[in-house]
Full PDB file with SEQRES, HELIX, SHEET, SSBOND, CRYST1, ORIGX, SCALE, CONECT and MASTER records, all heavy atoms in Angstrom:
SEQRES   1 A   30  PHE LYS ALA GLY ARG LEU ARG SER LYS TYR ILE ASN THR          
SEQRES   2 A   30  GLN VAL ASP TYR ILE ASN TYR TYR ARG SER LEU PHE GLY          
SEQRES   3 A   30  LEU SER PRO VAL                                              
HELIX    1 AA1 SER A    8  LEU A   24  1                                  17    
CRYST1    1.000    1.000    1.000  90.00  90.00  90.00 P 1           1          
ORIGX1      1.000000  0.000000  0.000000        0.00000                         
ORIGX2      0.000000  1.000000  0.000000        0.00000                         
ORIGX3      0.000000  0.000000  1.000000        0.00000                         
SCALE1      1.000000  0.000000  0.000000        0.00000                         
SCALE2      0.000000  1.000000  0.000000        0.00000                         
SCALE3      0.000000  0.000000  1.000000        0.00000                         
ATOM      1  N   PHE A   1      91.309 275.785  18.784  1.00  0.00           N  
ATOM      2  CA  PHE A   1      91.581 276.053  20.195  1.00  0.00           C  
ATOM      3  C   PHE A   1      92.601 277.182  20.382  1.00  0.00           C  
ATOM      4  O   PHE A   1      93.690 277.196  19.741  1.00  0.00           O  
ATOM      5  CB  PHE A   1      92.141 274.768  20.866  1.00  0.00           C  
ATOM      6  CG  PHE A   1      92.621 274.950  22.270  1.00  0.00           C  
ATOM      7  CD1 PHE A   1      91.731 274.908  23.328  1.00  0.00           C  
ATOM      8  CD2 PHE A   1      93.964 275.178  22.561  1.00  0.00           C  
ATOM      9  CE1 PHE A   1      92.173 275.070  24.640  1.00  0.00           C  
ATOM     10  CE2 PHE A   1      94.398 275.335  23.838  1.00  0.00           C  
ATOM     11  CZ  PHE A   1      93.515 275.299  24.899  1.00  0.00           C  
ATOM     12  N   LYS A   2      92.258 278.104  21.241  1.00  0.00           N  
ATOM     13  CA  LYS A   2      93.162 279.186  21.646  1.00  0.00           C  
ATOM     14  C   LYS A   2      93.032 279.392  23.150  1.00  0.00           C  
ATOM     15  O   LYS A   2      91.947 279.440  23.687  1.00  0.00           O  
ATOM     16  CB  LYS A   2      92.842 280.492  20.912  1.00  0.00           C  
ATOM     17  CG  LYS A   2      93.159 280.433  19.398  1.00  0.00           C  
ATOM     18  CD  LYS A   2      92.859 281.758  18.725  1.00  0.00           C  
ATOM     19  CE  LYS A   2      93.179 281.695  17.229  1.00  0.00           C  
ATOM     20  NZ  LYS A   2      92.885 282.971  16.563  1.00  0.00           N  
ATOM     21  N   ALA A   3      94.188 279.564  23.802  1.00  0.00           N  
ATOM     22  CA  ALA A   3      94.179 279.623  25.279  1.00  0.00           C  
ATOM     23  C   ALA A   3      93.724 280.945  25.842  1.00  0.00           C  
ATOM     24  O   ALA A   3      93.301 281.027  26.984  1.00  0.00           O  
ATOM     25  CB  ALA A   3      95.583 279.324  25.796  1.00  0.00           C  
ATOM     26  N   GLY A   4      93.805 281.993  25.044  1.00  0.00           N  
ATOM     27  CA  GLY A   4      93.430 283.330  25.522  1.00  0.00           C  
ATOM     28  C   GLY A   4      94.526 283.928  26.425  1.00  0.00           C  
ATOM     29  O   GLY A   4      95.592 283.342  26.616  1.00  0.00           O  
ATOM     30  N   ARG A   5      94.220 285.039  27.007  1.00  0.00           N  
ATOM     31  CA  ARG A   5      95.187 285.721  27.872  1.00  0.00           C  
ATOM     32  C   ARG A   5      94.461 286.440  29.000  1.00  0.00           C  
ATOM     33  O   ARG A   5      93.412 287.059  28.792  1.00  0.00           O  
ATOM     34  CB  ARG A   5      96.009 286.727  27.072  1.00  0.00           C  
ATOM     35  CG  ARG A   5      97.200 287.283  27.835  1.00  0.00           C  
ATOM     36  CD  ARG A   5      98.106 288.170  26.966  1.00  0.00           C  
ATOM     37  NE  ARG A   5      97.522 289.483  26.723  1.00  0.00           N  
ATOM     38  CZ  ARG A   5      97.032 289.894  25.553  1.00  0.00           C  
ATOM     39  NH1 ARG A   5      97.056 289.064  24.504  1.00  0.00           N  
ATOM     40  NH2 ARG A   5      96.493 291.074  25.412  1.00  0.00           N  
ATOM     41  N   LEU A   6      95.019 286.335  30.205  1.00  0.00           N  
ATOM     42  CA  LEU A   6      94.411 286.994  31.399  1.00  0.00           C  
ATOM     43  C   LEU A   6      94.751 288.467  31.411  1.00  0.00           C  
ATOM     44  O   LEU A   6      95.752 288.924  30.822  1.00  0.00           O  
ATOM     45  CB  LEU A   6      94.973 286.365  32.681  1.00  0.00           C  
ATOM     46  CG  LEU A   6      94.535 284.927  32.961  1.00  0.00           C  
ATOM     47  CD1 LEU A   6      95.276 284.413  34.198  1.00  0.00           C  
ATOM     48  CD2 LEU A   6      93.037 284.788  33.135  1.00  0.00           C  
ATOM     49  N   ARG A   7      93.902 289.232  32.094  1.00  0.00           N  
ATOM     50  CA  ARG A   7      94.180 290.660  32.315  1.00  0.00           C  
ATOM     51  C   ARG A   7      95.432 290.766  33.204  1.00  0.00           C  
ATOM     52  O   ARG A   7      95.618 289.989  34.151  1.00  0.00           O  
ATOM     53  CB  ARG A   7      93.007 291.333  33.007  1.00  0.00           C  
ATOM     54  CG  ARG A   7      91.755 291.423  32.154  1.00  0.00           C  
ATOM     55  CD  ARG A   7      90.618 292.071  32.956  1.00  0.00           C  
ATOM     56  NE  ARG A   7      90.940 293.437  33.347  1.00  0.00           N  
ATOM     57  CZ  ARG A   7      90.197 294.168  34.182  1.00  0.00           C  
ATOM     58  NH1 ARG A   7      89.114 293.614  34.702  1.00  0.00           N  
ATOM     59  NH2 ARG A   7      90.563 295.377  34.507  1.00  0.00           N  
ATOM     60  N   SER A   8      96.257 291.724  32.897  1.00  0.00           N  
ATOM     61  CA  SER A   8      97.508 291.953  33.671  1.00  0.00           C  
ATOM     62  C   SER A   8      97.181 292.217  35.132  1.00  0.00           C  
ATOM     63  O   SER A   8      97.909 291.813  36.022  1.00  0.00           O  
ATOM     64  CB  SER A   8      98.284 293.086  33.065  1.00  0.00           C  
ATOM     65  OG  SER A   8      98.721 292.821  31.751  1.00  0.00           O  
ATOM     66  N   LYS A   9      96.067 292.900  35.376  1.00  0.00           N  
ATOM     67  CA  LYS A   9      95.692 293.232  36.736  1.00  0.00           C  
ATOM     68  C   LYS A   9      95.478 291.949  37.537  1.00  0.00           C  
ATOM     69  O   LYS A   9      95.829 291.886  38.730  1.00  0.00           O  
ATOM     70  CB  LYS A   9      94.402 294.099  36.721  1.00  0.00           C  
ATOM     71  CG  LYS A   9      93.927 294.499  38.117  1.00  0.00           C  
ATOM     72  CD  LYS A   9      92.644 295.339  38.007  1.00  0.00           C  
ATOM     73  CE  LYS A   9      92.116 295.687  39.410  1.00  0.00           C  
ATOM     74  NZ  LYS A   9      90.847 296.462  39.343  1.00  0.00           N  
ATOM     75  N   TYR A  10      94.826 290.975  36.927  1.00  0.00           N  
ATOM     76  CA  TYR A  10      94.571 289.708  37.634  1.00  0.00           C  
ATOM     77  C   TYR A  10      95.873 289.013  37.975  1.00  0.00           C  
ATOM     78  O   TYR A  10      96.066 288.570  39.124  1.00  0.00           O  
ATOM     79  CB  TYR A  10      93.694 288.818  36.753  1.00  0.00           C  
ATOM     80  CG  TYR A  10      93.309 287.495  37.444  1.00  0.00           C  
ATOM     81  CD1 TYR A  10      92.168 287.398  38.180  1.00  0.00           C  
ATOM     82  CD2 TYR A  10      94.119 286.360  37.281  1.00  0.00           C  
ATOM     83  CE1 TYR A  10      91.801 286.202  38.793  1.00  0.00           C  
ATOM     84  CE2 TYR A  10      93.759 285.165  37.906  1.00  0.00           C  
ATOM     85  CZ  TYR A  10      92.605 285.110  38.650  1.00  0.00           C  
ATOM     86  OH  TYR A  10      92.250 283.897  39.259  1.00  0.00           O  
ATOM     87  N   ILE A  11      96.784 288.921  37.040  1.00  0.00           N  
ATOM     88  CA  ILE A  11      98.069 288.276  37.267  1.00  0.00           C  
ATOM     89  C   ILE A  11      98.857 289.012  38.318  1.00  0.00           C  
ATOM     90  O   ILE A  11      99.386 288.411  39.260  1.00  0.00           O  
ATOM     91  CB  ILE A  11      98.881 288.205  35.950  1.00  0.00           C  
ATOM     92  CG1 ILE A  11      98.177 287.285  34.944  1.00  0.00           C  
ATOM     93  CG2 ILE A  11     100.301 287.712  36.232  1.00  0.00           C  
ATOM     94  CD1 ILE A  11      98.820 287.287  33.566  1.00  0.00           C  
ATOM     95  N   ASN A  12      98.938 290.324  38.208  1.00  0.00           N  
ATOM     96  CA  ASN A  12      99.683 291.128  39.182  1.00  0.00           C  
ATOM     97  C   ASN A  12      99.129 291.013  40.600  1.00  0.00           C  
ATOM     98  O   ASN A  12      99.888 290.979  41.577  1.00  0.00           O  
ATOM     99  CB  ASN A  12      99.744 292.586  38.728  1.00  0.00           C  
ATOM    100  CG  ASN A  12     100.518 292.800  37.455  1.00  0.00           C  
ATOM    101  OD1 ASN A  12     101.371 291.974  37.104  1.00  0.00           O  
ATOM    102  ND2 ASN A  12     100.223 293.873  36.722  1.00  0.00           N  
ATOM    103  N   THR A  13      97.799 290.948  40.699  1.00  0.00           N  
ATOM    104  CA  THR A  13      97.165 290.840  42.037  1.00  0.00           C  
ATOM    105  C   THR A  13      97.509 289.487  42.661  1.00  0.00           C  
ATOM    106  O   THR A  13      97.821 289.433  43.862  1.00  0.00           O  
ATOM    107  CB  THR A  13      95.647 291.001  41.927  1.00  0.00           C  
ATOM    108  OG1 THR A  13      95.347 292.288  41.405  1.00  0.00           O  
ATOM    109  CG2 THR A  13      94.974 290.837  43.288  1.00  0.00           C  
ATOM    110  N   GLN A  14      97.513 288.447  41.872  1.00  0.00           N  
ATOM    111  CA  GLN A  14      97.885 287.146  42.442  1.00  0.00           C  
ATOM    112  C   GLN A  14      99.315 287.138  42.919  1.00  0.00           C  
ATOM    113  O   GLN A  14      99.589 286.607  44.008  1.00  0.00           O  
ATOM    114  CB  GLN A  14      97.640 286.000  41.399  1.00  0.00           C  
ATOM    115  CG  GLN A  14      96.213 285.599  41.285  1.00  0.00           C  
ATOM    116  CD  GLN A  14      96.029 284.155  40.952  1.00  0.00           C  
ATOM    117  OE1 GLN A  14      96.943 283.475  40.439  1.00  0.00           O  
ATOM    118  NE2 GLN A  14      94.844 283.611  41.192  1.00  0.00           N  
ATOM    119  N   VAL A  15     100.208 287.715  42.166  1.00  0.00           N  
ATOM    120  CA  VAL A  15     101.598 287.783  42.598  1.00  0.00           C  
ATOM    121  C   VAL A  15     101.731 288.641  43.860  1.00  0.00           C  
ATOM    122  O   VAL A  15     102.509 288.328  44.768  1.00  0.00           O  
ATOM    123  CB  VAL A  15     102.503 288.327  41.446  1.00  0.00           C  
ATOM    124  CG1 VAL A  15     103.914 288.532  41.952  1.00  0.00           C  
ATOM    125  CG2 VAL A  15     102.470 287.390  40.272  1.00  0.00           C  
ATOM    126  N   ASP A  16     100.952 289.714  43.955  1.00  0.00           N  
ATOM    127  CA  ASP A  16     100.978 290.559  45.129  1.00  0.00           C  
ATOM    128  C   ASP A  16     100.540 289.766  46.378  1.00  0.00           C  
ATOM    129  O   ASP A  16     101.139 289.903  47.463  1.00  0.00           O  
ATOM    130  CB  ASP A  16     100.039 291.783  44.959  1.00  0.00           C  
ATOM    131  CG  ASP A  16     100.570 292.805  43.978  1.00  0.00           C  
ATOM    132  OD1 ASP A  16     101.796 292.769  43.685  1.00  0.00           O  
ATOM    133  OD2 ASP A  16      99.786 293.621  43.485  1.00  0.00           O  
ATOM    134  N   TYR A  17      99.473 288.967  46.218  1.00  0.00           N  
ATOM    135  CA  TYR A  17      99.049 288.148  47.360  1.00  0.00           C  
ATOM    136  C   TYR A  17     100.069 287.094  47.736  1.00  0.00           C  
ATOM    137  O   TYR A  17     100.313 286.839  48.926  1.00  0.00           O  
ATOM    138  CB  TYR A  17      97.711 287.480  47.010  1.00  0.00           C  
ATOM    139  CG  TYR A  17      96.482 288.251  47.437  1.00  0.00           C  
ATOM    140  CD1 TYR A  17      95.944 289.241  46.596  1.00  0.00           C  
ATOM    141  CD2 TYR A  17      95.872 288.022  48.654  1.00  0.00           C  
ATOM    142  CE1 TYR A  17      94.829 289.938  46.977  1.00  0.00           C  
ATOM    143  CE2 TYR A  17      94.756 288.746  49.043  1.00  0.00           C  
ATOM    144  CZ  TYR A  17      94.243 289.691  48.204  1.00  0.00           C  
ATOM    145  OH  TYR A  17      93.137 290.423  48.599  1.00  0.00           O  
ATOM    146  N   ILE A  18     100.687 286.468  46.728  1.00  0.00           N  
ATOM    147  CA  ILE A  18     101.717 285.472  47.025  1.00  0.00           C  
ATOM    148  C   ILE A  18     102.838 286.128  47.840  1.00  0.00           C  
ATOM    149  O   ILE A  18     103.284 285.578  48.873  1.00  0.00           O  
ATOM    150  CB  ILE A  18     102.316 284.904  45.705  1.00  0.00           C  
ATOM    151  CG1 ILE A  18     101.243 284.034  44.999  1.00  0.00           C  
ATOM    152  CG2 ILE A  18     103.551 284.061  45.998  1.00  0.00           C  
ATOM    153  CD1 ILE A  18     101.663 283.601  43.611  1.00  0.00           C  
ATOM    154  N   ASN A  19     103.262 287.288  47.416  1.00  0.00           N  
ATOM    155  CA  ASN A  19     104.377 287.954  48.125  1.00  0.00           C  
ATOM    156  C   ASN A  19     103.975 288.520  49.461  1.00  0.00           C  
ATOM    157  O   ASN A  19     104.785 288.605  50.383  1.00  0.00           O  
ATOM    158  CB  ASN A  19     104.966 289.032  47.213  1.00  0.00           C  
ATOM    159  CG  ASN A  19     105.736 288.456  46.045  1.00  0.00           C  
ATOM    160  OD1 ASN A  19     106.332 287.353  46.173  1.00  0.00           O  
ATOM    161  ND2 ASN A  19     105.791 289.181  44.943  1.00  0.00           N  
ATOM    162  N   TYR A  20     102.699 288.915  49.621  1.00  0.00           N  
ATOM    163  CA  TYR A  20     102.253 289.355  50.946  1.00  0.00           C  
ATOM    164  C   TYR A  20     102.305 288.185  51.917  1.00  0.00           C  
ATOM    165  O   TYR A  20     102.851 288.304  53.033  1.00  0.00           O  
ATOM    166  CB  TYR A  20     100.789 289.875  50.860  1.00  0.00           C  
ATOM    167  CG  TYR A  20     100.115 289.972  52.240  1.00  0.00           C  
ATOM    168  CD1 TYR A  20     100.495 290.953  53.135  1.00  0.00           C  
ATOM    169  CD2 TYR A  20      99.178 289.021  52.625  1.00  0.00           C  
ATOM    170  CE1 TYR A  20      99.904 291.037  54.387  1.00  0.00           C  
ATOM    171  CE2 TYR A  20      98.575 289.112  53.867  1.00  0.00           C  
ATOM    172  CZ  TYR A  20      98.950 290.100  54.762  1.00  0.00           C  
ATOM    173  OH  TYR A  20      98.378 290.166  55.989  1.00  0.00           O  
ATOM    174  N   TYR A  21     101.787 287.022  51.504  1.00  0.00           N  
ATOM    175  CA  TYR A  21     101.826 285.846  52.372  1.00  0.00           C  
ATOM    176  C   TYR A  21     103.252 285.400  52.661  1.00  0.00           C  
ATOM    177  O   TYR A  21     103.609 285.039  53.784  1.00  0.00           O  
ATOM    178  CB  TYR A  21     100.995 284.722  51.810  1.00  0.00           C  
ATOM    179  CG  TYR A  21      99.501 284.962  51.886  1.00  0.00           C  
ATOM    180  CD1 TYR A  21      98.679 284.806  50.803  1.00  0.00           C  
ATOM    181  CD2 TYR A  21      98.912 285.367  53.099  1.00  0.00           C  
ATOM    182  CE1 TYR A  21      97.283 285.018  50.892  1.00  0.00           C  
ATOM    183  CE2 TYR A  21      97.568 285.609  53.196  1.00  0.00           C  
ATOM    184  CZ  TYR A  21      96.744 285.427  52.116  1.00  0.00           C  
ATOM    185  OH  TYR A  21      95.407 285.661  52.213  1.00  0.00           O  
ATOM    186  N   ARG A  22     104.102 285.443  51.640  1.00  0.00           N  
ATOM    187  CA  ARG A  22     105.498 285.042  51.846  1.00  0.00           C  
ATOM    188  C   ARG A  22     106.185 286.005  52.841  1.00  0.00           C  
ATOM    189  O   ARG A  22     107.029 285.586  53.619  1.00  0.00           O  
ATOM    190  CB  ARG A  22     106.271 285.009  50.523  1.00  0.00           C  
ATOM    191  CG  ARG A  22     105.895 283.801  49.656  1.00  0.00           C  
ATOM    192  CD  ARG A  22     106.631 283.834  48.310  1.00  0.00           C  
ATOM    193  NE  ARG A  22     108.063 283.723  48.428  1.00  0.00           N  
ATOM    194  CZ  ARG A  22     108.739 282.606  48.525  1.00  0.00           C  
ATOM    195  NH1 ARG A  22     108.113 281.436  48.530  1.00  0.00           N  
ATOM    196  NH2 ARG A  22     110.071 282.615  48.644  1.00  0.00           N  
ATOM    197  N   SER A  23     105.795 287.256  52.803  1.00  0.00           N  
ATOM    198  CA  SER A  23     106.436 288.228  53.733  1.00  0.00           C  
ATOM    199  C   SER A  23     106.075 287.915  55.169  1.00  0.00           C  
ATOM    200  O   SER A  23     106.880 288.235  56.076  1.00  0.00           O  
ATOM    201  CB  SER A  23     106.001 289.666  53.360  1.00  0.00           C  
ATOM    202  OG  SER A  23     104.648 289.885  53.685  1.00  0.00           O  
ATOM    203  N   LEU A  24     104.918 287.318  55.421  1.00  0.00           N  
ATOM    204  CA  LEU A  24     104.554 286.939  56.786  1.00  0.00           C  
ATOM    205  C   LEU A  24     105.514 285.927  57.384  1.00  0.00           C  
ATOM    206  O   LEU A  24     105.665 285.820  58.586  1.00  0.00           O  
ATOM    207  CB  LEU A  24     103.135 286.339  56.805  1.00  0.00           C  
ATOM    208  CG  LEU A  24     101.955 287.291  56.495  1.00  0.00           C  
ATOM    209  CD1 LEU A  24     100.675 286.474  56.354  1.00  0.00           C  
ATOM    210  CD2 LEU A  24     101.797 288.330  57.592  1.00  0.00           C  
ATOM    211  N   PHE A  25     106.163 285.160  56.485  1.00  0.00           N  
ATOM    212  CA  PHE A  25     107.088 284.111  56.901  1.00  0.00           C  
ATOM    213  C   PHE A  25     108.558 284.522  56.712  1.00  0.00           C  
ATOM    214  O   PHE A  25     109.434 283.679  56.839  1.00  0.00           O  
ATOM    215  CB  PHE A  25     106.770 282.830  56.117  1.00  0.00           C  
ATOM    216  CG  PHE A  25     105.391 282.318  56.340  1.00  0.00           C  
ATOM    217  CD1 PHE A  25     104.341 282.793  55.612  1.00  0.00           C  
ATOM    218  CD2 PHE A  25     105.152 281.346  57.304  1.00  0.00           C  
ATOM    219  CE1 PHE A  25     103.023 282.325  55.809  1.00  0.00           C  
ATOM    220  CE2 PHE A  25     103.860 280.872  57.531  1.00  0.00           C  
ATOM    221  CZ  PHE A  25     102.787 281.365  56.770  1.00  0.00           C  
ATOM    222  N   GLY A  26     108.767 285.782  56.366  1.00  0.00           N  
ATOM    223  CA  GLY A  26     110.123 286.252  56.178  1.00  0.00           C  
ATOM    224  C   GLY A  26     110.755 285.765  54.884  1.00  0.00           C  
ATOM    225  O   GLY A  26     111.986 285.764  54.748  1.00  0.00           O  
ATOM    226  N   LEU A  27     109.946 285.359  53.912  1.00  0.00           N  
ATOM    227  CA  LEU A  27     110.456 284.802  52.666  1.00  0.00           C  
ATOM    228  C   LEU A  27     110.581 285.886  51.607  1.00  0.00           C  
ATOM    229  O   LEU A  27     109.801 286.848  51.578  1.00  0.00           O  
ATOM    230  CB  LEU A  27     109.546 283.686  52.176  1.00  0.00           C  
ATOM    231  CG  LEU A  27     109.449 282.439  53.050  1.00  0.00           C  
ATOM    232  CD1 LEU A  27     108.293 281.582  52.634  1.00  0.00           C  
ATOM    233  CD2 LEU A  27     110.774 281.664  53.008  1.00  0.00           C  
ATOM    234  N   SER A  28     111.527 285.703  50.712  1.00  0.00           N  
ATOM    235  CA  SER A  28     111.743 286.693  49.650  1.00  0.00           C  
ATOM    236  C   SER A  28     110.647 286.673  48.629  1.00  0.00           C  
ATOM    237  O   SER A  28     110.006 285.615  48.402  1.00  0.00           O  
ATOM    238  CB  SER A  28     113.094 286.415  48.971  1.00  0.00           C  
ATOM    239  OG  SER A  28     113.150 285.092  48.501  1.00  0.00           O  
ATOM    240  N   PRO A  29     110.357 287.781  47.956  1.00  0.00           N  
ATOM    241  CA  PRO A  29     109.300 287.821  46.949  1.00  0.00           C  
ATOM    242  C   PRO A  29     109.650 287.045  45.697  1.00  0.00           C  
ATOM    243  O   PRO A  29     110.827 286.782  45.414  1.00  0.00           O  
ATOM    244  CB  PRO A  29     109.166 289.342  46.661  1.00  0.00           C  
ATOM    245  CG  PRO A  29     110.520 289.909  47.002  1.00  0.00           C  
ATOM    246  CD  PRO A  29     111.011 289.102  48.151  1.00  0.00           C  
ATOM    247  N   VAL A  30     108.617 286.657  44.973  1.00  0.00           N  
ATOM    248  CA  VAL A  30     108.813 285.944  43.689  1.00  0.00           C  
ATOM    249  C   VAL A  30     108.335 286.832  42.559  1.00  0.00           C  
ATOM    250  O   VAL A  30     107.591 287.785  42.772  1.00  0.00           O  
ATOM    251  CB  VAL A  30     108.058 284.601  43.693  1.00  0.00           C  
ATOM    252  CG1 VAL A  30     108.597 283.697  44.802  1.00  0.00           C  
ATOM    253  CG2 VAL A  30     106.568 284.803  43.807  1.00  0.00           C  
TER     254      VAL A  30                                                      
MASTER        0    0    0    1    0    0    0    6  253    1    0    3          
END                                                                             
């Protein structure tokens, strides 16, 4: 068993979406 690794683009895009939605509520980025 090996877990593998995601593409950096995928991870970065998810973080970008998290921070976009948090910005709608005036919340600081993660």
